[in-house]
Amino acid sequence: MQKTRAFIAIPVEGEVRAALTELQARLKNPAANIRWMNPDALHLTLAFLGDIPAEKTPALGAALDENVSHLKSFPLRIQGVGVFGRRDKPGVVWAGVAENPDLLTLRERVARAVAAANIPFAARRFRPHLTLGRFKTPERATPIFPAMEKENDAVYGEIRVEAVELFKSELKPAGAEHTSLHRAALV
């Protein structure tokens, strides 16, 4: 049985992508040893599925269509930065997402679609964010914090959530490569 490493996400494009690319440049510090995400791959993950049977992707696409097609598109503000993990040993640098009840509804509908396609999904606490980079050497993170503190209240723009996408993720030496398998549009 062929497996596909998959996740469901909201892609980030346009002015917000450009603003986050500029943010990455401002945060870069060789001493911090961070592998930065390719700006073309920036996204807000709604559900990471891991390795799923490849033959289930059509059913998952159909379930996504059924569960999100009646939801109205909505704006989502991207603001602030932070890290996951302890400050002395962080794992990820992220851009934040303003609280939005429409996003929580969308996430719930995505979880329903995954269940309808009979794909196991451990729904952990949803902490909406956009991963900007991953620390290769967490104990060397300290040099990035002064630059991050200047960005705490910054707003990087607003995206219009008009669809969710089912992505295939292939791990490569240069980083993960994402391919869209299905796009489920909101109204």
Protein backbone atom coordinates (compact mmCIF):
# COMPACT_ATOMS: atom_id res chain seq x y z
CA MET A 1 0.00 0.00 0.00
CA GLN A 2 1.41 3.36 -1.06
CA LYS A 3 1.47 6.06 1.62
CA THR A 4 1.26 9.83 1.26
CA ARG A 5 2.55 12.21 3.94
CA ALA A 6 -0.32 14.69 4.05
CA PHE A 7 -1.68 17.77 5.73
CA ILE A 8 -4.56 20.21 5.24
CA ALA A 9 -3.74 23.91 5.27
CA ILE A 10 -4.55 27.45 4.23
CA PRO A 11 -1.89 28.68 1.79
CA VAL A 12 -0.40 32.15 2.34
CA GLU A 13 0.22 34.30 -0.71
CA GLY A 14 0.52 37.89 -1.89
CA GLU A 15 1.36 40.80 0.38
CA VAL A 16 1.34 38.73 3.57
CA ARG A 17 3.83 36.27 2.08
CA ALA A 18 6.05 39.21 1.08
CA ALA A 19 5.76 40.72 4.57
CA LEU A 20 6.69 37.41 6.19
CA THR A 21 9.64 37.00 3.82
CA GLU A 22 10.86 40.43 4.97
CA LEU A 23 10.29 39.35 8.59
CA GLN A 24 12.44 36.26 8.05
CA ALA A 25 15.21 38.50 6.68
CA ARG A 26 15.00 40.78 9.74
CA LEU A 27 15.17 37.80 12.10
CA LYS A 28 18.04 36.00 10.38
CA ASN A 29 21.10 35.67 12.54
CA PRO A 30 23.71 33.04 11.60
CA ALA A 31 24.55 32.50 15.27
CA ALA A 32 21.00 31.24 15.92
CA ASN A 33 21.36 28.38 13.37
CA ILE A 34 17.79 28.28 12.02
CA ARG A 35 16.55 26.52 8.87
CA TRP A 36 14.11 29.05 7.40
CA MET A 37 10.98 27.95 5.54
CA ASN A 38 10.80 28.65 1.84
CA PRO A 39 8.42 31.64 1.56
CA ASP A 40 6.58 29.85 -1.29
CA ALA A 41 5.66 27.08 1.15
CA LEU A 42 4.21 29.28 3.94
CA HIS A 43 0.85 27.98 5.14
CA LEU A 44 -1.38 27.68 8.18
CA THR A 45 -1.79 23.99 9.01
CA LEU A 46 -5.31 22.96 10.02
CA ALA A 47 -4.62 19.22 10.28
CA PHE A 48 -1.36 17.29 10.00
CA LEU A 49 -2.26 13.74 9.00
CA GLY A 50 1.12 12.06 8.67
CA ASP A 51 1.36 9.05 6.38
CA ILE A 52 -2.04 8.09 5.00
CA PRO A 53 -2.99 5.49 2.37
CA ALA A 54 -2.66 7.26 -1.01
CA GLU A 55 -5.95 5.74 -2.19
CA LYS A 56 -7.83 7.68 0.54
CA THR A 57 -6.91 11.12 -0.85
CA PRO A 58 -9.85 11.30 -3.33
CA ALA A 59 -12.35 10.48 -0.54
CA LEU A 60 -10.70 13.06 1.70
CA GLY A 61 -10.94 15.69 -1.04
CA ALA A 62 -14.64 14.94 -1.47
CA ALA A 63 -15.20 15.10 2.30
CA LEU A 64 -13.41 18.45 2.45
CA ASP A 65 -15.65 19.80 -0.31
CA GLU A 66 -18.75 18.59 1.51
CA ASN A 67 -17.70 20.02 4.88
CA VAL A 68 -16.35 23.46 3.90
CA SER A 69 -18.22 24.42 0.71
CA HIS A 70 -21.05 26.14 2.61
CA LEU A 71 -18.72 28.19 4.85
CA LYS A 72 -18.19 31.84 3.93
CA SER A 73 -14.71 33.10 3.18
CA PHE A 74 -13.27 35.33 5.89
CA PRO A 75 -10.28 37.57 6.65
CA LEU A 76 -7.48 36.40 8.90
CA ARG A 77 -4.96 38.79 10.42
CA ILE A 78 -1.34 37.66 10.74
CA GLN A 79 0.44 39.33 13.66
CA GLY A 80 3.30 38.90 16.10
CA VAL A 81 6.04 36.31 16.38
CA GLY A 82 7.03 33.70 18.91
CA VAL A 83 8.64 30.32 19.46
CA PHE A 84 7.34 26.91 20.41
CA GLY A 85 9.29 25.25 23.15
CA ARG A 86 11.08 26.69 26.14
CA ARG A 87 12.94 29.93 25.53
CA ASP A 88 16.23 28.19 26.36
CA LYS A 89 15.48 25.34 23.93
CA PRO A 90 12.91 26.42 21.30
CA GLY A 91 11.99 24.31 18.29
CA VAL A 92 10.07 26.59 15.94
CA VAL A 93 9.89 30.30 15.11
CA TRP A 94 6.33 31.28 14.11
CA ALA A 95 4.17 34.19 13.00
CA GLY A 96 0.93 34.45 14.91
CA VAL A 97 -2.70 34.51 13.86
CA ALA A 98 -5.29 36.78 15.48
CA GLU A 99 -8.15 35.02 17.24
CA ASN A 100 -11.00 34.36 14.85
CA PRO A 101 -14.11 32.23 15.49
CA ASP A 102 -14.46 31.55 11.74
CA LEU A 103 -11.04 29.89 11.76
CA LEU A 104 -12.08 27.64 14.65
CA THR A 105 -15.25 26.65 12.77
CA LEU A 106 -13.20 25.88 9.67
CA ARG A 107 -10.78 23.76 11.70
CA GLU A 108 -13.72 21.83 13.18
CA ARG A 109 -15.13 21.17 9.69
CA VAL A 110 -11.75 19.99 8.46
CA ALA A 111 -11.58 17.54 11.40
CA ARG A 112 -15.05 16.25 10.45
CA ALA A 113 -13.90 15.73 6.86
CA VAL A 114 -10.88 13.75 8.03
CA ALA A 115 -13.13 11.56 10.19
CA ALA A 116 -15.60 11.09 7.29
CA ALA A 117 -12.73 9.81 5.12
CA ASN A 118 -11.83 7.28 7.87
CA ILE A 119 -8.39 8.74 8.44
CA PRO A 120 -7.05 8.66 12.01
CA PHE A 121 -6.43 12.16 13.32
CA ALA A 122 -5.21 13.03 16.79
CA ALA A 123 -6.84 16.44 17.19
CA ARG A 124 -4.44 18.20 19.52
CA ARG A 125 -5.05 21.68 20.86
CA PHE A 126 -5.19 23.98 17.86
CA ARG A 127 -2.58 26.75 18.05
CA PRO A 128 -2.88 28.64 14.74
CA HIS A 129 0.47 29.85 13.44
CA LEU A 130 2.68 29.99 10.38
CA THR A 131 6.03 28.25 10.79
CA LEU A 132 8.81 30.60 9.69
CA GLY A 133 11.78 28.43 10.65
CA ARG A 134 13.07 25.55 12.73
CA PHE A 135 16.00 25.73 15.12
CA LYS A 136 18.74 23.32 14.07
CA THR A 137 20.63 24.00 17.30
CA PRO A 138 18.04 25.13 19.90
CA GLU A 139 20.66 25.93 22.54
CA ARG A 140 21.97 28.64 20.18
CA ALA A 141 18.62 30.47 19.94
CA THR A 142 19.40 33.45 22.16
CA PRO A 143 20.71 35.76 19.36
CA ILE A 144 17.30 35.88 17.66
CA PHE A 145 15.32 37.12 20.67
CA PRO A 146 16.17 40.86 20.49
CA ALA A 147 14.96 40.99 16.87
CA MET A 148 11.81 39.02 17.79
CA GLU A 149 10.95 41.38 20.64
CA LYS A 150 10.81 44.27 18.16
CA GLU A 151 8.19 42.30 16.20
CA ASN A 152 5.90 41.27 19.09
CA ASP A 153 3.02 43.58 18.17
CA ALA A 154 3.65 43.86 14.43
CA VAL A 155 0.83 43.13 12.00
CA TYR A 156 1.96 41.47 8.76
CA GLY A 157 -1.32 41.87 6.95
CA GLU A 158 -4.52 40.02 6.34
CA ILE A 159 -5.21 37.02 4.17
CA ARG A 160 -8.61 36.14 2.79
CA VAL A 161 -9.39 32.50 3.57
CA GLU A 162 -11.16 31.32 0.43
CA ALA A 163 -10.12 27.66 0.41
CA VAL A 164 -8.29 24.90 2.20
CA GLU A 165 -5.89 22.59 0.44
CA LEU A 166 -4.88 18.98 0.93
CA PHE A 167 -1.11 18.85 0.48
CA LYS A 168 1.34 16.03 -0.05
CA SER A 169 4.62 16.67 1.74
CA GLU A 170 7.84 15.07 0.54
CA LEU A 171 10.88 15.36 2.79
CA LYS A 172 13.99 16.32 0.82
CA PRO A 173 17.50 17.36 1.88
CA ALA A 174 16.71 21.04 1.20
CA GLY A 175 13.48 20.82 3.21
CA ALA A 176 9.93 19.62 2.70
CA GLU A 177 8.38 20.02 -0.75
CA HIS A 178 4.59 20.50 -0.79
CA THR A 179 2.26 19.59 -3.65
CA SER A 180 -1.44 20.46 -3.62
CA LEU A 181 -3.61 17.38 -4.17
CA HIS A 182 -7.02 19.02 -3.71
CA ARG A 183 -8.45 22.50 -3.19
CA ALA A 184 -11.77 22.83 -1.35
CA ALA A 185 -13.29 26.28 -1.83
CA LEU A 186 -15.36 28.24 0.67
CA VAL A 187 -18.26 30.38 -0.50
